[in-house]
N, C-alpha and C. Protein backbone atom coordinates (compact mmCIF):
# COMPACT_ATOMS: atom_id res chain seq x y z
N MET A 1 3.51 -54.12 -2.27
CA MET A 1 4.28 -53.58 -1.18
C MET A 1 3.61 -52.29 -0.72
N PRO A 2 3.36 -52.11 0.59
CA PRO A 2 2.70 -50.89 1.08
C PRO A 2 3.62 -49.68 0.95
N PRO A 3 3.05 -48.48 0.85
CA PRO A 3 3.88 -47.28 0.73
C PRO A 3 4.69 -47.03 1.99
N ASP A 4 5.85 -46.45 1.80
CA ASP A 4 6.73 -46.10 2.91
C ASP A 4 6.10 -44.96 3.70
N PRO A 5 5.86 -45.13 5.02
CA PRO A 5 5.20 -44.08 5.79
C PRO A 5 6.01 -42.78 5.80
N ALA A 6 7.31 -42.84 5.68
CA ALA A 6 8.12 -41.62 5.70
C ALA A 6 7.91 -40.80 4.43
N SER A 7 7.55 -41.46 3.33
CA SER A 7 7.38 -40.72 2.08
C SER A 7 5.92 -40.38 1.81
N THR A 8 5.03 -40.82 2.67
CA THR A 8 3.62 -40.55 2.48
C THR A 8 3.33 -39.10 2.88
N GLN A 9 2.63 -38.39 2.02
CA GLN A 9 2.31 -36.99 2.28
C GLN A 9 0.85 -36.90 2.68
N VAL A 10 0.58 -36.20 3.77
CA VAL A 10 -0.78 -36.00 4.22
C VAL A 10 -1.25 -34.66 3.69
N VAL A 11 -2.35 -34.67 2.98
CA VAL A 11 -2.90 -33.44 2.43
C VAL A 11 -4.17 -33.12 3.20
N THR A 12 -4.19 -31.92 3.80
CA THR A 12 -5.36 -31.49 4.53
C THR A 12 -6.21 -30.64 3.60
N PRO A 13 -7.44 -31.05 3.35
CA PRO A 13 -8.27 -30.28 2.43
C PRO A 13 -8.64 -28.92 3.02
N ASP A 14 -8.78 -27.93 2.15
CA ASP A 14 -9.23 -26.61 2.54
C ASP A 14 -10.69 -26.53 2.11
N PRO A 15 -11.63 -26.72 3.05
CA PRO A 15 -13.04 -26.78 2.66
C PRO A 15 -13.54 -25.47 2.05
N THR A 16 -12.89 -24.36 2.33
CA THR A 16 -13.36 -23.07 1.81
C THR A 16 -12.79 -22.77 0.44
N GLY A 17 -11.65 -23.37 0.11
CA GLY A 17 -10.99 -23.08 -1.16
C GLY A 17 -10.34 -21.71 -1.17
N THR A 18 -10.22 -21.08 0.00
CA THR A 18 -9.69 -19.72 0.06
C THR A 18 -8.23 -19.65 0.45
N ALA A 19 -7.64 -20.72 0.88
CA ALA A 19 -6.26 -20.66 1.34
C ALA A 19 -5.32 -20.23 0.22
N ALA A 20 -5.46 -20.84 -0.94
CA ALA A 20 -4.58 -20.50 -2.05
C ALA A 20 -4.86 -19.09 -2.56
N SER A 21 -6.12 -18.75 -2.74
CA SER A 21 -6.43 -17.41 -3.25
C SER A 21 -6.08 -16.34 -2.24
N GLY A 22 -6.30 -16.58 -0.97
CA GLY A 22 -5.93 -15.61 0.06
C GLY A 22 -4.43 -15.43 0.14
N ALA A 23 -3.70 -16.54 0.05
CA ALA A 23 -2.25 -16.47 0.10
C ALA A 23 -1.71 -15.76 -1.14
N ASN A 24 -2.30 -16.05 -2.32
CA ASN A 24 -1.86 -15.39 -3.55
C ASN A 24 -2.11 -13.90 -3.51
N PHE A 25 -3.29 -13.50 -3.04
CA PHE A 25 -3.62 -12.07 -2.94
C PHE A 25 -2.66 -11.38 -1.99
N ALA A 26 -2.47 -11.96 -0.82
CA ALA A 26 -1.59 -11.34 0.17
C ALA A 26 -0.16 -11.26 -0.34
N ALA A 27 0.32 -12.33 -0.96
CA ALA A 27 1.69 -12.32 -1.48
C ALA A 27 1.87 -11.28 -2.57
N ALA A 28 0.91 -11.21 -3.49
CA ALA A 28 1.00 -10.22 -4.58
C ALA A 28 0.92 -8.80 -4.02
N ALA A 29 0.01 -8.58 -3.10
CA ALA A 29 -0.13 -7.24 -2.52
C ALA A 29 1.12 -6.85 -1.73
N GLN A 30 1.66 -7.78 -0.96
CA GLN A 30 2.87 -7.48 -0.19
C GLN A 30 4.04 -7.19 -1.12
N THR A 31 4.15 -7.91 -2.22
CA THR A 31 5.22 -7.66 -3.20
C THR A 31 5.09 -6.27 -3.80
N ASP A 32 3.88 -5.90 -4.19
CA ASP A 32 3.65 -4.57 -4.76
C ASP A 32 3.92 -3.47 -3.74
N LEU A 33 3.51 -3.69 -2.50
CA LEU A 33 3.76 -2.69 -1.46
C LEU A 33 5.25 -2.56 -1.18
N ALA A 34 5.97 -3.68 -1.21
CA ALA A 34 7.42 -3.63 -1.01
C ALA A 34 8.10 -2.85 -2.12
N LYS A 35 7.65 -3.03 -3.37
CA LYS A 35 8.21 -2.27 -4.49
C LYS A 35 7.95 -0.78 -4.31
N ALA A 36 6.75 -0.42 -3.90
CA ALA A 36 6.41 0.99 -3.70
C ALA A 36 7.25 1.58 -2.57
N THR A 37 7.44 0.83 -1.51
CA THR A 37 8.24 1.31 -0.39
C THR A 37 9.70 1.49 -0.80
N THR A 38 10.23 0.57 -1.58
CA THR A 38 11.60 0.68 -2.09
C THR A 38 11.74 1.92 -2.96
N ALA A 39 10.76 2.17 -3.82
CA ALA A 39 10.80 3.36 -4.68
C ALA A 39 10.75 4.64 -3.84
N LEU A 40 9.92 4.65 -2.80
CA LEU A 40 9.85 5.82 -1.92
C LEU A 40 11.18 6.06 -1.22
N ASP A 41 11.79 4.99 -0.74
CA ASP A 41 13.08 5.11 -0.08
C ASP A 41 14.13 5.68 -1.02
N ALA A 42 14.12 5.26 -2.28
CA ALA A 42 15.07 5.75 -3.27
C ALA A 42 14.87 7.25 -3.51
N VAL A 43 13.62 7.69 -3.57
CA VAL A 43 13.35 9.11 -3.75
C VAL A 43 13.80 9.89 -2.51
N ASP A 44 13.47 9.36 -1.33
CA ASP A 44 13.86 10.02 -0.08
C ASP A 44 15.37 10.18 0.03
N LYS A 45 16.11 9.20 -0.44
CA LYS A 45 17.57 9.23 -0.34
C LYS A 45 18.21 10.00 -1.48
N GLY A 46 17.40 10.53 -2.37
CA GLY A 46 17.93 11.31 -3.48
C GLY A 46 18.56 10.47 -4.56
N GLN A 47 18.26 9.18 -4.59
CA GLN A 47 18.83 8.28 -5.59
C GLN A 47 18.08 8.38 -6.92
N VAL A 48 16.90 8.99 -6.88
CA VAL A 48 16.08 9.14 -8.08
C VAL A 48 15.77 10.62 -8.23
N LYS A 49 15.91 11.11 -9.41
CA LYS A 49 15.60 12.51 -9.68
C LYS A 49 14.29 12.57 -10.46
N LEU A 50 13.38 13.39 -9.98
CA LEU A 50 12.12 13.58 -10.66
C LEU A 50 12.13 14.96 -11.31
N ASP A 51 11.65 15.03 -12.52
CA ASP A 51 11.63 16.28 -13.25
C ASP A 51 10.18 16.69 -13.46
N LEU A 52 9.64 17.44 -12.49
CA LEU A 52 8.26 17.88 -12.55
C LEU A 52 8.19 19.39 -12.37
N ASP A 53 7.31 20.03 -13.12
CA ASP A 53 7.09 21.45 -12.87
C ASP A 53 6.02 21.57 -11.79
N LYS A 54 5.76 22.82 -11.38
CA LYS A 54 4.82 23.02 -10.27
C LYS A 54 3.42 22.51 -10.60
N GLN A 55 2.96 22.71 -11.83
CA GLN A 55 1.62 22.25 -12.20
C GLN A 55 1.55 20.73 -12.19
N ALA A 56 2.61 20.07 -12.65
CA ALA A 56 2.64 18.60 -12.63
C ALA A 56 2.59 18.08 -11.20
N VAL A 57 3.30 18.77 -10.29
CA VAL A 57 3.27 18.38 -8.88
C VAL A 57 1.86 18.53 -8.32
N LEU A 58 1.22 19.65 -8.61
CA LEU A 58 -0.15 19.87 -8.12
C LEU A 58 -1.11 18.84 -8.69
N ASP A 59 -0.97 18.52 -9.97
CA ASP A 59 -1.83 17.50 -10.59
C ASP A 59 -1.60 16.14 -9.94
N LEU A 60 -0.35 15.81 -9.70
CA LEU A 60 -0.01 14.52 -9.08
C LEU A 60 -0.56 14.45 -7.66
N LEU A 61 -0.41 15.52 -6.91
CA LEU A 61 -0.95 15.55 -5.55
C LEU A 61 -2.47 15.42 -5.55
N LYS A 62 -3.12 16.04 -6.53
CA LYS A 62 -4.58 15.93 -6.63
C LYS A 62 -4.99 14.47 -6.88
N LEU A 63 -4.27 13.80 -7.79
CA LEU A 63 -4.57 12.39 -8.07
C LEU A 63 -4.35 11.51 -6.84
N ILE A 64 -3.27 11.76 -6.14
CA ILE A 64 -2.98 10.95 -4.95
C ILE A 64 -4.01 11.20 -3.86
N THR A 65 -4.42 12.45 -3.71
CA THR A 65 -5.45 12.77 -2.72
C THR A 65 -6.76 12.06 -3.07
N GLN A 66 -7.11 12.05 -4.36
CA GLN A 66 -8.32 11.33 -4.79
C GLN A 66 -8.18 9.83 -4.52
N ALA A 67 -7.01 9.28 -4.82
CA ALA A 67 -6.77 7.85 -4.59
C ALA A 67 -6.87 7.53 -3.11
N ARG A 68 -6.29 8.39 -2.28
CA ARG A 68 -6.37 8.17 -0.83
C ARG A 68 -7.81 8.19 -0.36
N GLY A 69 -8.61 9.10 -0.90
CA GLY A 69 -10.02 9.15 -0.54
C GLY A 69 -10.76 7.87 -0.93
N LEU A 70 -10.49 7.38 -2.13
CA LEU A 70 -11.11 6.14 -2.58
C LEU A 70 -10.69 4.95 -1.71
N VAL A 71 -9.39 4.86 -1.46
CA VAL A 71 -8.89 3.73 -0.66
C VAL A 71 -9.41 3.82 0.78
N ASP A 72 -9.49 5.03 1.32
CA ASP A 72 -10.03 5.21 2.66
C ASP A 72 -11.49 4.77 2.71
N ASN A 73 -12.23 5.11 1.67
CA ASN A 73 -13.64 4.70 1.58
C ASN A 73 -13.75 3.18 1.52
N VAL A 74 -12.93 2.56 0.67
CA VAL A 74 -12.94 1.09 0.56
C VAL A 74 -12.55 0.46 1.90
N HIS A 75 -11.54 1.01 2.55
CA HIS A 75 -11.09 0.48 3.84
C HIS A 75 -12.21 0.56 4.88
N SER A 76 -12.86 1.71 4.96
CA SER A 76 -13.97 1.87 5.92
C SER A 76 -15.08 0.87 5.66
N LYS A 77 -15.45 0.72 4.40
CA LYS A 77 -16.50 -0.24 4.05
C LYS A 77 -16.05 -1.66 4.34
N ALA A 78 -14.78 -1.96 4.05
CA ALA A 78 -14.27 -3.32 4.28
C ALA A 78 -14.30 -3.67 5.76
N VAL A 79 -13.89 -2.72 6.59
CA VAL A 79 -13.87 -2.99 8.03
C VAL A 79 -15.27 -3.30 8.53
N THR A 80 -16.24 -2.48 8.15
CA THR A 80 -17.60 -2.70 8.65
C THR A 80 -18.30 -3.87 7.97
N SER A 81 -17.97 -4.13 6.70
CA SER A 81 -18.67 -5.19 5.97
C SER A 81 -18.05 -6.57 6.17
N LEU A 82 -16.74 -6.62 6.34
CA LEU A 82 -16.08 -7.91 6.38
C LEU A 82 -15.87 -8.48 7.79
N ASP A 83 -15.93 -7.64 8.79
CA ASP A 83 -15.71 -8.12 10.16
C ASP A 83 -17.03 -8.58 10.76
N VAL A 84 -17.58 -9.62 10.17
CA VAL A 84 -18.86 -10.17 10.63
C VAL A 84 -18.77 -11.70 10.68
N GLU A 85 -19.59 -12.27 11.52
CA GLU A 85 -19.70 -13.73 11.58
C GLU A 85 -20.62 -14.18 10.45
N LEU A 86 -20.13 -15.03 9.60
CA LEU A 86 -20.95 -15.58 8.53
C LEU A 86 -21.64 -16.84 9.02
N GLN A 87 -22.85 -17.06 8.59
CA GLN A 87 -23.61 -18.23 9.04
C GLN A 87 -23.75 -19.22 7.89
N PHE A 88 -22.96 -20.30 7.97
CA PHE A 88 -23.04 -21.37 6.98
C PHE A 88 -23.60 -22.64 7.59
N GLY A 89 -24.26 -22.49 8.68
CA GLY A 89 -24.84 -23.65 9.34
C GLY A 89 -24.21 -23.86 10.71
N ARG A 90 -24.93 -24.55 11.54
CA ARG A 90 -24.47 -24.81 12.90
C ARG A 90 -23.82 -26.20 12.96
N ASN A 91 -22.76 -26.36 12.19
CA ASN A 91 -22.01 -27.61 12.23
C ASN A 91 -20.54 -27.26 12.05
N TRP A 92 -19.68 -28.23 12.20
CA TRP A 92 -18.24 -27.94 12.18
C TRP A 92 -17.77 -27.43 10.82
N VAL A 93 -18.38 -27.86 9.74
CA VAL A 93 -17.99 -27.41 8.40
C VAL A 93 -18.38 -25.94 8.22
N GLY A 94 -19.61 -25.61 8.53
CA GLY A 94 -20.07 -24.23 8.41
C GLY A 94 -19.28 -23.28 9.29
N GLU A 95 -18.97 -23.70 10.50
CA GLU A 95 -18.20 -22.86 11.42
C GLU A 95 -16.76 -22.71 10.93
N ALA A 96 -16.18 -23.77 10.37
CA ALA A 96 -14.81 -23.70 9.85
C ALA A 96 -14.73 -22.75 8.65
N ILE A 97 -15.71 -22.84 7.77
CA ILE A 97 -15.74 -21.95 6.61
C ILE A 97 -15.89 -20.50 7.07
N SER A 98 -16.78 -20.26 8.00
CA SER A 98 -17.00 -18.92 8.51
C SER A 98 -15.73 -18.35 9.14
N ARG A 99 -15.07 -19.16 9.96
CA ARG A 99 -13.82 -18.73 10.61
C ARG A 99 -12.75 -18.39 9.59
N ARG A 100 -12.60 -19.26 8.60
CA ARG A 100 -11.55 -19.06 7.58
C ARG A 100 -11.80 -17.82 6.74
N LEU A 101 -13.03 -17.62 6.31
CA LEU A 101 -13.35 -16.43 5.51
C LEU A 101 -13.15 -15.15 6.32
N ARG A 102 -13.52 -15.17 7.57
CA ARG A 102 -13.31 -13.99 8.42
C ARG A 102 -11.82 -13.73 8.61
N GLU A 103 -11.03 -14.79 8.76
CA GLU A 103 -9.58 -14.64 8.91
C GLU A 103 -8.96 -14.02 7.66
N VAL A 104 -9.38 -14.47 6.49
CA VAL A 104 -8.87 -13.91 5.23
C VAL A 104 -9.29 -12.44 5.11
N ALA A 105 -10.46 -12.11 5.59
CA ALA A 105 -10.96 -10.74 5.46
C ALA A 105 -10.32 -9.79 6.46
N VAL A 106 -10.25 -10.18 7.73
CA VAL A 106 -9.79 -9.24 8.77
C VAL A 106 -8.85 -9.85 9.79
N GLY A 107 -8.39 -11.06 9.56
CA GLY A 107 -7.69 -11.81 10.60
C GLY A 107 -6.30 -11.37 10.99
N ASN A 108 -5.41 -11.08 10.05
CA ASN A 108 -4.02 -10.80 10.40
C ASN A 108 -3.41 -9.84 9.39
N GLU A 109 -2.08 -9.73 9.38
CA GLU A 109 -1.42 -8.78 8.48
C GLU A 109 -1.56 -9.16 7.00
N ALA A 110 -1.96 -10.37 6.70
CA ALA A 110 -2.17 -10.78 5.31
C ALA A 110 -3.64 -10.67 4.90
N SER A 111 -4.49 -10.18 5.80
CA SER A 111 -5.92 -10.08 5.49
C SER A 111 -6.18 -8.92 4.54
N ALA A 112 -7.33 -8.97 3.92
CA ALA A 112 -7.70 -7.94 2.95
C ALA A 112 -7.73 -6.56 3.61
N VAL A 113 -8.32 -6.45 4.77
CA VAL A 113 -8.41 -5.16 5.46
C VAL A 113 -7.02 -4.63 5.80
N SER A 114 -6.14 -5.50 6.25
CA SER A 114 -4.79 -5.08 6.59
C SER A 114 -4.02 -4.62 5.36
N VAL A 115 -4.14 -5.34 4.26
CA VAL A 115 -3.44 -4.97 3.02
C VAL A 115 -3.97 -3.63 2.51
N ILE A 116 -5.27 -3.41 2.60
CA ILE A 116 -5.83 -2.12 2.19
C ILE A 116 -5.27 -1.01 3.09
N GLY A 117 -5.17 -1.28 4.38
CA GLY A 117 -4.58 -0.30 5.31
C GLY A 117 -3.13 -0.01 4.97
N ASP A 118 -2.38 -1.05 4.61
CA ASP A 118 -0.98 -0.85 4.20
C ASP A 118 -0.90 0.01 2.95
N PHE A 119 -1.83 -0.21 2.01
CA PHE A 119 -1.86 0.58 0.79
C PHE A 119 -2.16 2.05 1.11
N MET A 120 -3.07 2.28 2.05
CA MET A 120 -3.35 3.65 2.49
C MET A 120 -2.08 4.31 3.02
N GLN A 121 -1.32 3.57 3.79
CA GLN A 121 -0.08 4.11 4.36
C GLN A 121 0.93 4.43 3.26
N VAL A 122 1.03 3.57 2.26
CA VAL A 122 1.95 3.83 1.14
C VAL A 122 1.53 5.09 0.40
N LEU A 123 0.23 5.25 0.14
CA LEU A 123 -0.25 6.46 -0.52
C LEU A 123 0.07 7.70 0.31
N PHE A 124 -0.09 7.60 1.62
CA PHE A 124 0.24 8.72 2.50
C PHE A 124 1.72 9.07 2.38
N GLU A 125 2.57 8.05 2.38
CA GLU A 125 4.01 8.29 2.26
C GLU A 125 4.38 8.87 0.90
N VAL A 126 3.70 8.41 -0.15
CA VAL A 126 3.94 8.96 -1.49
C VAL A 126 3.57 10.44 -1.49
N GLU A 127 2.42 10.76 -0.93
CA GLU A 127 1.97 12.15 -0.88
C GLU A 127 2.96 13.01 -0.10
N GLU A 128 3.41 12.54 1.05
CA GLU A 128 4.37 13.30 1.85
C GLU A 128 5.69 13.48 1.11
N THR A 129 6.14 12.46 0.41
CA THR A 129 7.38 12.55 -0.36
C THR A 129 7.25 13.60 -1.45
N ILE A 130 6.13 13.61 -2.14
CA ILE A 130 5.92 14.60 -3.21
C ILE A 130 5.82 16.00 -2.62
N ARG A 131 5.13 16.14 -1.50
CA ARG A 131 5.04 17.46 -0.86
C ARG A 131 6.42 17.96 -0.43
N ASP A 132 7.23 17.06 0.14
CA ASP A 132 8.60 17.43 0.52
C ASP A 132 9.42 17.84 -0.69
N ALA A 133 9.29 17.08 -1.77
CA ALA A 133 10.03 17.39 -2.99
C ALA A 133 9.58 18.74 -3.56
N ALA A 134 8.27 19.02 -3.49
CA ALA A 134 7.76 20.30 -3.99
C ALA A 134 8.30 21.45 -3.15
N ARG A 135 8.35 21.25 -1.82
CA ARG A 135 8.92 22.29 -0.95
C ARG A 135 10.39 22.51 -1.27
N ASN A 136 11.12 21.43 -1.48
CA ASN A 136 12.54 21.54 -1.84
C ASN A 136 12.71 22.28 -3.16
N LEU A 137 11.83 21.98 -4.12
CA LEU A 137 11.87 22.66 -5.42
C LEU A 137 11.61 24.15 -5.26
N GLU A 138 10.62 24.50 -4.47
CA GLU A 138 10.31 25.91 -4.23
C GLU A 138 11.46 26.61 -3.52
N ASP A 139 12.04 25.94 -2.52
CA ASP A 139 13.18 26.53 -1.80
C ASP A 139 14.35 26.76 -2.75
N ALA A 140 14.61 25.78 -3.62
CA ALA A 140 15.72 25.92 -4.57
C ALA A 140 15.44 27.06 -5.54
N ASP A 141 14.19 27.18 -6.00
CA ASP A 141 13.83 28.29 -6.89
C ASP A 141 14.01 29.63 -6.18
N ASP A 142 13.56 29.71 -4.93
CA ASP A 142 13.70 30.96 -4.16
C ASP A 142 15.17 31.30 -3.94
N ASP A 143 15.98 30.29 -3.61
CA ASP A 143 17.42 30.51 -3.41
C ASP A 143 18.08 31.00 -4.70
N ALA A 144 17.71 30.39 -5.82
CA ALA A 144 18.27 30.80 -7.11
C ALA A 144 17.86 32.23 -7.45
N ALA A 145 16.60 32.57 -7.19
CA ALA A 145 16.13 33.94 -7.46
C ALA A 145 16.85 34.94 -6.56
N ASN A 146 17.01 34.60 -5.30
CA ASN A 146 17.72 35.49 -4.38
C ASN A 146 19.17 35.66 -4.79
N ALA A 147 19.80 34.57 -5.20
CA ALA A 147 21.20 34.65 -5.64
C ALA A 147 21.32 35.50 -6.89
N PHE A 148 20.37 35.37 -7.81
CA PHE A 148 20.37 36.16 -9.04
C PHE A 148 20.18 37.64 -8.72
N ASN A 149 19.24 37.94 -7.84
CA ASN A 149 18.98 39.33 -7.45
C ASN A 149 20.18 39.91 -6.72
N SER A 150 20.79 39.12 -5.83
CA SER A 150 21.98 39.59 -5.10
C SER A 150 23.12 39.85 -6.06
N ALA A 151 23.31 39.00 -7.05
CA ALA A 151 24.37 39.18 -8.03
C ALA A 151 24.13 40.44 -8.85
N GLY A 152 22.87 40.73 -9.17
CA GLY A 152 22.54 41.93 -9.92
C GLY A 152 22.78 43.19 -9.12
N GLU A 153 22.50 43.12 -7.80
CA GLU A 153 22.72 44.29 -6.94
C GLU A 153 24.19 44.58 -6.78
N VAL A 154 25.02 43.53 -6.67
CA VAL A 154 26.45 43.72 -6.49
C VAL A 154 27.04 44.37 -7.74
N LYS A 155 26.63 43.91 -8.93
CA LYS A 155 27.15 44.48 -10.17
C LYS A 155 26.69 45.91 -10.37
N GLY A 156 25.49 46.22 -9.91
CA GLY A 156 24.94 47.53 -10.12
C GLY A 156 25.48 48.57 -9.15
N SER A 157 26.16 48.16 -8.12
CA SER A 157 26.64 49.09 -7.08
C SER A 157 27.73 49.99 -7.58
C-alpha cells in the first residue's frame, strides 16, 4: 500500500549544514542576552541590592570597559571579515552555500554580527547601570555625611 500523501513529510536538505548550528547559536545567544537584560531591569528597578565598595565598583567598571573593548574589536573584525561574497563555484550549489553562509554571518537579527552587536549593547547597559549605582552610592554617602555633620552642629550649638 503506498504511503498516505497527507502524512508524507518533505525534508529539504541544507547543503551547507549551517541551518542547525546557526539556529542553535542564535537561540543560545538570544537566551543569554534576554537573561542579562532581565537582570539589568531588576537592578534598575531596585529589585536587587548589590553590596560593593568603591574599589569593587572601579574594578568592575574596568573589567567591563576591557570587555567592551574586546567585543568592539571582534565586532569590527566580524563586520569587515564576514560581509563578503564567498566563492564556492559558479553553480547553483556554490552560490546557495555562499548565500547561506553570508546570511548566517551578517544577514539578519540572528546573524553572528547582529548578536555580537546586541552583546555590545548589553555591556554598555551594564556599564551604565553600574555607573548609576556608583553615583547613587556616592550621593547616599554624601547625604549621610552631611546629615551627620548637621546633627553634630546642632548638638554643639
